[in-house]
Amino acid sequence: MASRLNPYISFPGNAREAMEFYKQVFGGNLTMSTFGEFGTPDAAGADKIMHAMLETDNGFTLMGADNPPGMEHQPGNNITVSLSGDDADTLRGYWQQLSDGGHVAVPLEKQMWGDEFGMCTDRFGIPWMVNIAGG
C-alpha cells in the first residue's frame, strides 16, 4: 500500500451518525468497529466507534472515531477538510450536502483568483473548504 494522508476526526460520541452522513455525501465503502468488538468492558462505551474508515470511488479517505471513555473531547480550529478539483457538478453536490444544516462562512462562489470557493462548518462542527478550479 502506498502512503496516504487523510483527515482523522474525533467525535464526542456521535461518530457513527457523522460517518454515515459522510457516506451519504460522498458514497463509497464505510467500515466501522466498536470499542466493544475489541473487548472494552464498559457497557456504556461498548457501542461507540473505535475506528471508522470511509473510502470513496473518487479516491477520498476519511477516518474517524469516538473519543475513548474517560478522554475529553476538545475540538480545535486548526484542521479543515479540503475538497478541490475541476468536477464542478460533483463538488457543488458535496457542498450542498455538507453545508445543509451547518454554517456557511464563505458562500460557494467565484473568487478573485478565478475559482469557485466556499467554506462551511457541517452540522457536526467539522470545517470544510471546497474549491472548484476555474476553466
N, C-alpha and C. Protein backbone atom coordinates (compact mmCIF):
# COMPACT_ATOMS: atom_id res chain seq x y z
N MET A 1 0.84 -1.18 0.00
CA MET A 1 0.00 0.00 0.00
C MET A 1 0.88 1.24 0.00
N ALA A 2 0.53 2.20 -0.83
CA ALA A 2 1.24 3.47 -0.87
C ALA A 2 0.90 4.29 0.37
N SER A 3 1.76 5.20 0.72
CA SER A 3 1.47 6.11 1.82
C SER A 3 0.32 7.02 1.43
N ARG A 4 -0.46 7.46 2.43
CA ARG A 4 -1.53 8.40 2.15
C ARG A 4 -1.69 9.35 3.32
N LEU A 5 -2.27 10.48 3.04
CA LEU A 5 -2.55 11.48 4.04
C LEU A 5 -4.05 11.72 3.99
N ASN A 6 -4.70 11.62 5.14
CA ASN A 6 -6.14 11.84 5.17
C ASN A 6 -6.56 12.36 6.55
N PRO A 7 -7.70 13.03 6.59
CA PRO A 7 -8.19 13.52 7.87
C PRO A 7 -8.65 12.36 8.78
N TYR A 8 -8.43 12.52 10.07
CA TYR A 8 -8.94 11.60 11.09
C TYR A 8 -9.62 12.48 12.12
N ILE A 9 -10.92 12.33 12.24
CA ILE A 9 -11.73 13.23 13.04
C ILE A 9 -12.18 12.53 14.33
N SER A 10 -12.03 13.21 15.45
CA SER A 10 -12.52 12.71 16.74
C SER A 10 -13.91 13.29 17.01
N PHE A 11 -14.79 12.46 17.53
CA PHE A 11 -16.15 12.88 17.82
C PHE A 11 -16.47 12.63 19.30
N PRO A 12 -17.40 13.40 19.85
CA PRO A 12 -17.73 13.27 21.27
C PRO A 12 -18.78 12.19 21.57
N GLY A 13 -19.02 11.28 20.64
CA GLY A 13 -20.00 10.22 20.87
C GLY A 13 -20.95 10.01 19.71
N ASN A 14 -20.81 10.81 18.65
CA ASN A 14 -21.71 10.67 17.50
C ASN A 14 -20.97 10.31 16.22
N ALA A 15 -19.88 9.56 16.35
CA ALA A 15 -19.08 9.18 15.18
C ALA A 15 -19.89 8.34 14.19
N ARG A 16 -20.70 7.43 14.69
CA ARG A 16 -21.50 6.59 13.78
C ARG A 16 -22.39 7.46 12.91
N GLU A 17 -23.13 8.37 13.53
CA GLU A 17 -24.03 9.25 12.80
C GLU A 17 -23.26 10.12 11.80
N ALA A 18 -22.13 10.68 12.24
CA ALA A 18 -21.34 11.55 11.37
C ALA A 18 -20.77 10.77 10.18
N MET A 19 -20.19 9.62 10.42
CA MET A 19 -19.57 8.85 9.34
C MET A 19 -20.63 8.34 8.36
N GLU A 20 -21.81 7.98 8.86
CA GLU A 20 -22.90 7.57 7.95
C GLU A 20 -23.36 8.76 7.11
N PHE A 21 -23.36 9.95 7.70
CA PHE A 21 -23.69 11.15 6.94
C PHE A 21 -22.66 11.38 5.83
N TYR A 22 -21.37 11.27 6.14
CA TYR A 22 -20.33 11.47 5.14
C TYR A 22 -20.43 10.42 4.03
N LYS A 23 -20.84 9.20 4.38
CA LYS A 23 -21.05 8.17 3.36
C LYS A 23 -22.18 8.59 2.42
N GLN A 24 -23.25 9.18 2.98
CA GLN A 24 -24.35 9.67 2.13
C GLN A 24 -23.85 10.76 1.19
N VAL A 25 -22.99 11.62 1.70
CA VAL A 25 -22.48 12.73 0.89
C VAL A 25 -21.56 12.22 -0.22
N PHE A 26 -20.56 11.39 0.14
CA PHE A 26 -19.50 11.01 -0.79
C PHE A 26 -19.65 9.62 -1.40
N GLY A 27 -20.55 8.78 -0.86
CA GLY A 27 -20.65 7.41 -1.33
C GLY A 27 -19.46 6.61 -0.85
N GLY A 28 -19.28 5.43 -1.40
CA GLY A 28 -18.11 4.62 -1.07
C GLY A 28 -18.40 3.52 -0.07
N ASN A 29 -17.34 3.00 0.50
CA ASN A 29 -17.42 1.88 1.43
C ASN A 29 -17.04 2.36 2.83
N LEU A 30 -17.96 2.17 3.78
CA LEU A 30 -17.73 2.58 5.17
C LEU A 30 -17.60 1.35 6.04
N THR A 31 -16.49 1.26 6.76
CA THR A 31 -16.32 0.19 7.75
C THR A 31 -16.19 0.84 9.13
N MET A 32 -16.79 0.19 10.12
CA MET A 32 -16.74 0.71 11.48
C MET A 32 -16.55 -0.44 12.46
N SER A 33 -15.74 -0.17 13.47
CA SER A 33 -15.52 -1.12 14.56
C SER A 33 -15.83 -0.41 15.87
N THR A 34 -16.45 -1.11 16.80
CA THR A 34 -16.78 -0.51 18.09
C THR A 34 -15.74 -0.88 19.15
N PHE A 35 -15.75 -0.12 20.23
CA PHE A 35 -14.87 -0.44 21.35
C PHE A 35 -15.23 -1.82 21.90
N GLY A 36 -16.51 -2.15 21.92
CA GLY A 36 -16.96 -3.45 22.43
C GLY A 36 -16.42 -4.61 21.62
N GLU A 37 -16.30 -4.45 20.32
CA GLU A 37 -15.76 -5.52 19.47
C GLU A 37 -14.31 -5.83 19.81
N PHE A 38 -13.64 -4.88 20.44
CA PHE A 38 -12.24 -5.09 20.79
C PHE A 38 -12.05 -5.25 22.29
N GLY A 39 -13.14 -5.64 22.98
CA GLY A 39 -13.03 -6.06 24.37
C GLY A 39 -13.19 -5.01 25.44
N THR A 40 -13.65 -3.82 25.10
CA THR A 40 -13.88 -2.82 26.14
C THR A 40 -15.00 -3.29 27.05
N PRO A 41 -14.73 -3.46 28.33
CA PRO A 41 -15.75 -4.00 29.24
C PRO A 41 -16.82 -2.98 29.63
N ASP A 42 -16.58 -1.70 29.42
CA ASP A 42 -17.53 -0.65 29.78
C ASP A 42 -18.76 -0.72 28.88
N ALA A 43 -19.88 -1.15 29.44
CA ALA A 43 -21.10 -1.30 28.65
C ALA A 43 -21.56 0.02 28.04
N ALA A 44 -21.34 1.11 28.74
CA ALA A 44 -21.78 2.42 28.24
C ALA A 44 -21.03 2.84 26.99
N GLY A 45 -19.78 2.40 26.84
CA GLY A 45 -18.98 2.80 25.69
C GLY A 45 -18.79 1.71 24.66
N ALA A 46 -19.35 0.53 24.92
CA ALA A 46 -19.10 -0.62 24.04
C ALA A 46 -19.59 -0.39 22.61
N ASP A 47 -20.68 0.37 22.43
CA ASP A 47 -21.23 0.56 21.08
C ASP A 47 -20.66 1.81 20.40
N LYS A 48 -19.77 2.52 21.06
CA LYS A 48 -19.14 3.69 20.45
C LYS A 48 -18.09 3.25 19.43
N ILE A 49 -17.82 4.10 18.47
CA ILE A 49 -16.92 3.76 17.36
C ILE A 49 -15.46 3.94 17.77
N MET A 50 -14.70 2.86 17.69
CA MET A 50 -13.27 2.90 17.96
C MET A 50 -12.50 3.33 16.72
N HIS A 51 -12.98 2.89 15.56
CA HIS A 51 -12.34 3.27 14.29
C HIS A 51 -13.35 3.12 13.16
N ALA A 52 -13.42 4.16 12.33
CA ALA A 52 -14.25 4.12 11.13
C ALA A 52 -13.42 4.62 9.97
N MET A 53 -13.66 4.03 8.80
CA MET A 53 -12.94 4.47 7.61
C MET A 53 -13.89 4.45 6.43
N LEU A 54 -13.96 5.59 5.76
CA LEU A 54 -14.75 5.73 4.54
C LEU A 54 -13.79 5.87 3.39
N GLU A 55 -13.88 4.96 2.41
CA GLU A 55 -13.08 5.04 1.19
C GLU A 55 -14.05 5.19 0.03
N THR A 56 -13.87 6.25 -0.76
CA THR A 56 -14.81 6.56 -1.82
C THR A 56 -14.27 6.19 -3.19
N ASP A 57 -15.17 6.13 -4.15
CA ASP A 57 -14.80 5.82 -5.52
C ASP A 57 -13.92 6.93 -6.12
N ASN A 58 -14.01 8.14 -5.57
CA ASN A 58 -13.19 9.26 -6.06
C ASN A 58 -11.81 9.29 -5.44
N GLY A 59 -11.50 8.31 -4.60
CA GLY A 59 -10.18 8.24 -4.00
C GLY A 59 -10.04 8.98 -2.68
N PHE A 60 -11.16 9.44 -2.10
CA PHE A 60 -11.11 10.10 -0.80
C PHE A 60 -11.05 9.05 0.30
N THR A 61 -10.35 9.35 1.37
CA THR A 61 -10.36 8.52 2.57
C THR A 61 -10.60 9.45 3.75
N LEU A 62 -11.60 9.11 4.55
CA LEU A 62 -11.91 9.86 5.75
C LEU A 62 -12.01 8.87 6.90
N MET A 63 -11.28 9.14 7.98
CA MET A 63 -11.32 8.27 9.15
C MET A 63 -11.86 9.04 10.34
N GLY A 64 -12.43 8.30 11.29
CA GLY A 64 -12.96 8.96 12.48
C GLY A 64 -13.23 7.96 13.58
N ALA A 65 -13.47 8.49 14.77
CA ALA A 65 -13.75 7.65 15.94
C ALA A 65 -14.35 8.51 17.03
N ASP A 66 -15.07 7.83 17.94
CA ASP A 66 -15.49 8.49 19.17
C ASP A 66 -14.29 8.52 20.10
N ASN A 67 -14.21 9.54 20.92
CA ASN A 67 -13.16 9.55 21.93
C ASN A 67 -13.39 8.37 22.88
N PRO A 68 -12.33 7.73 23.31
CA PRO A 68 -12.48 6.62 24.24
C PRO A 68 -13.08 7.09 25.57
N PRO A 69 -13.75 6.20 26.29
CA PRO A 69 -14.30 6.57 27.59
C PRO A 69 -13.22 7.19 28.47
N GLY A 70 -13.56 8.30 29.11
CA GLY A 70 -12.63 8.98 30.00
C GLY A 70 -11.75 10.00 29.33
N MET A 71 -11.78 10.08 28.00
CA MET A 71 -10.96 11.05 27.27
C MET A 71 -11.84 12.22 26.86
N GLU A 72 -11.45 13.43 27.25
CA GLU A 72 -12.24 14.60 26.96
C GLU A 72 -12.15 14.97 25.48
N HIS A 73 -13.26 15.41 24.91
CA HIS A 73 -13.30 15.86 23.51
C HIS A 73 -13.00 17.35 23.49
N GLN A 74 -11.94 17.74 22.82
CA GLN A 74 -11.56 19.14 22.73
C GLN A 74 -11.37 19.54 21.27
N PRO A 75 -12.46 19.91 20.60
CA PRO A 75 -12.30 20.28 19.20
C PRO A 75 -11.44 21.52 19.05
N GLY A 76 -10.68 21.54 17.98
CA GLY A 76 -9.80 22.67 17.72
C GLY A 76 -10.20 23.38 16.45
N ASN A 77 -9.51 24.44 16.18
CA ASN A 77 -9.81 25.17 14.95
C ASN A 77 -8.62 25.13 14.00
N ASN A 78 -7.77 24.13 14.14
CA ASN A 78 -6.57 24.08 13.33
C ASN A 78 -6.63 23.04 12.22
N ILE A 79 -7.76 22.40 12.02
CA ILE A 79 -7.88 21.42 10.95
C ILE A 79 -9.15 21.71 10.17
N THR A 80 -9.01 21.76 8.86
CA THR A 80 -10.14 21.90 7.95
C THR A 80 -9.98 20.85 6.87
N VAL A 81 -11.08 20.24 6.48
CA VAL A 81 -11.03 19.26 5.41
C VAL A 81 -11.25 20.01 4.10
N SER A 82 -10.37 19.78 3.13
CA SER A 82 -10.41 20.50 1.87
C SER A 82 -10.78 19.55 0.73
N LEU A 83 -11.74 19.96 -0.08
CA LEU A 83 -12.11 19.25 -1.30
C LEU A 83 -11.82 20.18 -2.46
N SER A 84 -11.12 19.68 -3.46
CA SER A 84 -10.82 20.53 -4.61
C SER A 84 -10.73 19.70 -5.87
N GLY A 85 -10.90 20.36 -6.99
CA GLY A 85 -10.81 19.69 -8.28
C GLY A 85 -11.53 20.48 -9.33
N ASP A 86 -11.78 19.82 -10.48
CA ASP A 86 -12.44 20.52 -11.57
C ASP A 86 -13.78 19.91 -11.95
N ASP A 87 -14.25 18.91 -11.21
CA ASP A 87 -15.56 18.32 -11.44
C ASP A 87 -16.60 19.16 -10.69
N ALA A 88 -17.01 20.25 -11.34
CA ALA A 88 -17.86 21.25 -10.69
C ALA A 88 -19.17 20.67 -10.16
N ASP A 89 -19.85 19.85 -10.95
CA ASP A 89 -21.14 19.32 -10.51
C ASP A 89 -20.99 18.45 -9.26
N THR A 90 -19.98 17.60 -9.25
CA THR A 90 -19.76 16.73 -8.08
C THR A 90 -19.41 17.55 -6.86
N LEU A 91 -18.49 18.51 -7.01
CA LEU A 91 -18.08 19.33 -5.88
C LEU A 91 -19.22 20.20 -5.37
N ARG A 92 -20.04 20.74 -6.26
CA ARG A 92 -21.21 21.52 -5.82
C ARG A 92 -22.19 20.63 -5.05
N GLY A 93 -22.33 19.39 -5.48
CA GLY A 93 -23.19 18.45 -4.76
C GLY A 93 -22.69 18.17 -3.35
N TYR A 94 -21.38 17.98 -3.22
CA TYR A 94 -20.80 17.79 -1.88
C TYR A 94 -21.06 19.03 -1.03
N TRP A 95 -20.81 20.19 -1.60
CA TRP A 95 -21.01 21.45 -0.88
C TRP A 95 -22.44 21.56 -0.36
N GLN A 96 -23.39 21.29 -1.24
CA GLN A 96 -24.80 21.42 -0.87
C GLN A 96 -25.12 20.54 0.34
N GLN A 97 -24.66 19.31 0.32
CA GLN A 97 -24.96 18.39 1.41
C GLN A 97 -24.20 18.76 2.69
N LEU A 98 -22.93 19.12 2.56
CA LEU A 98 -22.12 19.45 3.73
C LEU A 98 -22.62 20.72 4.42
N SER A 99 -23.05 21.70 3.64
CA SER A 99 -23.47 22.97 4.23
C SER A 99 -24.90 22.91 4.76
N ASP A 100 -25.70 21.95 4.30
CA ASP A 100 -27.08 21.81 4.75
C ASP A 100 -27.12 21.50 6.25
N GLY A 101 -27.74 22.36 7.02
CA GLY A 101 -27.82 22.16 8.46
C GLY A 101 -26.59 22.64 9.21
N GLY A 102 -25.63 23.18 8.47
CA GLY A 102 -24.41 23.69 9.09
C GLY A 102 -24.36 25.20 9.01
N HIS A 103 -23.15 25.74 9.00
CA HIS A 103 -22.94 27.19 8.94
C HIS A 103 -22.02 27.51 7.76
N VAL A 104 -22.46 28.41 6.91
CA VAL A 104 -21.65 28.84 5.76
C VAL A 104 -20.89 30.10 6.15
N ALA A 105 -19.56 30.00 6.15
CA ALA A 105 -18.71 31.15 6.46
C ALA A 105 -18.40 31.95 5.21
N VAL A 106 -18.16 31.25 4.09
CA VAL A 106 -17.90 31.88 2.79
C VAL A 106 -18.75 31.14 1.77
N PRO A 107 -19.73 31.81 1.16
CA PRO A 107 -20.58 31.13 0.18
C PRO A 107 -19.74 30.60 -0.99
N LEU A 108 -20.18 29.49 -1.56
CA LEU A 108 -19.50 28.89 -2.72
C LEU A 108 -19.80 29.76 -3.93
N GLU A 109 -18.81 30.57 -4.31
CA GLU A 109 -18.97 31.47 -5.45
C GLU A 109 -17.61 31.82 -6.02
N LYS A 110 -17.63 32.42 -7.20
CA LYS A 110 -16.38 32.78 -7.88
C LYS A 110 -15.58 33.77 -7.03
N GLN A 111 -14.28 33.49 -6.94
CA GLN A 111 -13.38 34.32 -6.13
C GLN A 111 -12.42 35.09 -7.03
N MET A 112 -11.66 36.01 -6.43
CA MET A 112 -10.76 36.87 -7.19
C MET A 112 -9.68 36.10 -7.94
N TRP A 113 -9.36 34.87 -7.49
CA TRP A 113 -8.34 34.08 -8.18
C TRP A 113 -8.93 33.24 -9.31
N GLY A 114 -10.25 33.36 -9.53
CA GLY A 114 -10.87 32.72 -10.68
C GLY A 114 -11.58 31.41 -10.40
N ASP A 115 -11.36 30.83 -9.24
CA ASP A 115 -12.03 29.58 -8.88
C ASP A 115 -13.30 29.88 -8.08
N GLU A 116 -14.19 28.89 -8.05
CA GLU A 116 -15.30 28.95 -7.10
C GLU A 116 -14.78 28.38 -5.79
N PHE A 117 -15.08 29.04 -4.69
CA PHE A 117 -14.57 28.63 -3.39
C PHE A 117 -15.61 28.93 -2.33
N GLY A 118 -15.70 28.03 -1.36
CA GLY A 118 -16.58 28.26 -0.22
C GLY A 118 -16.06 27.57 1.02
N MET A 119 -16.46 28.08 2.17
CA MET A 119 -16.09 27.49 3.46
C MET A 119 -17.36 27.32 4.29
N CYS A 120 -17.49 26.15 4.89
CA CYS A 120 -18.64 25.91 5.75
C CYS A 120 -18.21 25.00 6.91
N THR A 121 -19.03 24.98 7.92
CA THR A 121 -18.88 24.04 9.02
C THR A 121 -20.13 23.18 8.99
N ASP A 122 -19.96 21.86 8.90
CA ASP A 122 -21.12 20.98 8.80
C ASP A 122 -21.83 20.86 10.15
N ARG A 123 -22.93 20.14 10.16
CA ARG A 123 -23.75 20.03 11.37
C ARG A 123 -23.06 19.29 12.51
N PHE A 124 -21.89 18.70 12.24
CA PHE A 124 -21.12 18.01 13.28
C PHE A 124 -19.96 18.86 13.79
N GLY A 125 -19.87 20.11 13.30
CA GLY A 125 -18.81 21.01 13.76
C GLY A 125 -17.51 20.86 13.02
N ILE A 126 -17.50 20.16 11.87
CA ILE A 126 -16.28 19.96 11.10
C ILE A 126 -16.21 21.02 10.00
N PRO A 127 -15.10 21.78 9.95
CA PRO A 127 -14.95 22.80 8.91
C PRO A 127 -14.49 22.19 7.57
N TRP A 128 -15.06 22.71 6.48
CA TRP A 128 -14.77 22.24 5.12
C TRP A 128 -14.47 23.43 4.23
N MET A 129 -13.56 23.23 3.27
CA MET A 129 -13.30 24.17 2.19
C MET A 129 -13.54 23.42 0.89
N VAL A 130 -14.25 24.07 -0.03
CA VAL A 130 -14.48 23.47 -1.35
C VAL A 130 -13.96 24.46 -2.38
N ASN A 131 -13.10 23.99 -3.27
CA ASN A 131 -12.52 24.82 -4.32
C ASN A 131 -12.74 24.13 -5.67
N ILE A 132 -13.44 24.83 -6.56
CA ILE A 132 -13.70 24.31 -7.91
C ILE A 132 -12.83 25.12 -8.86
N ALA A 133 -11.89 24.44 -9.51
CA ALA A 133 -10.95 25.11 -10.40
C ALA A 133 -11.67 25.81 -11.53
N GLY A 134 -11.30 27.06 -11.78
CA GLY A 134 -11.86 27.84 -12.89
C GLY A 134 -11.27 27.35 -14.20
N GLY A 135 -12.04 27.43 -15.24
CA GLY A 135 -11.60 26.88 -16.52
C GLY A 135 -11.00 27.85 -17.44
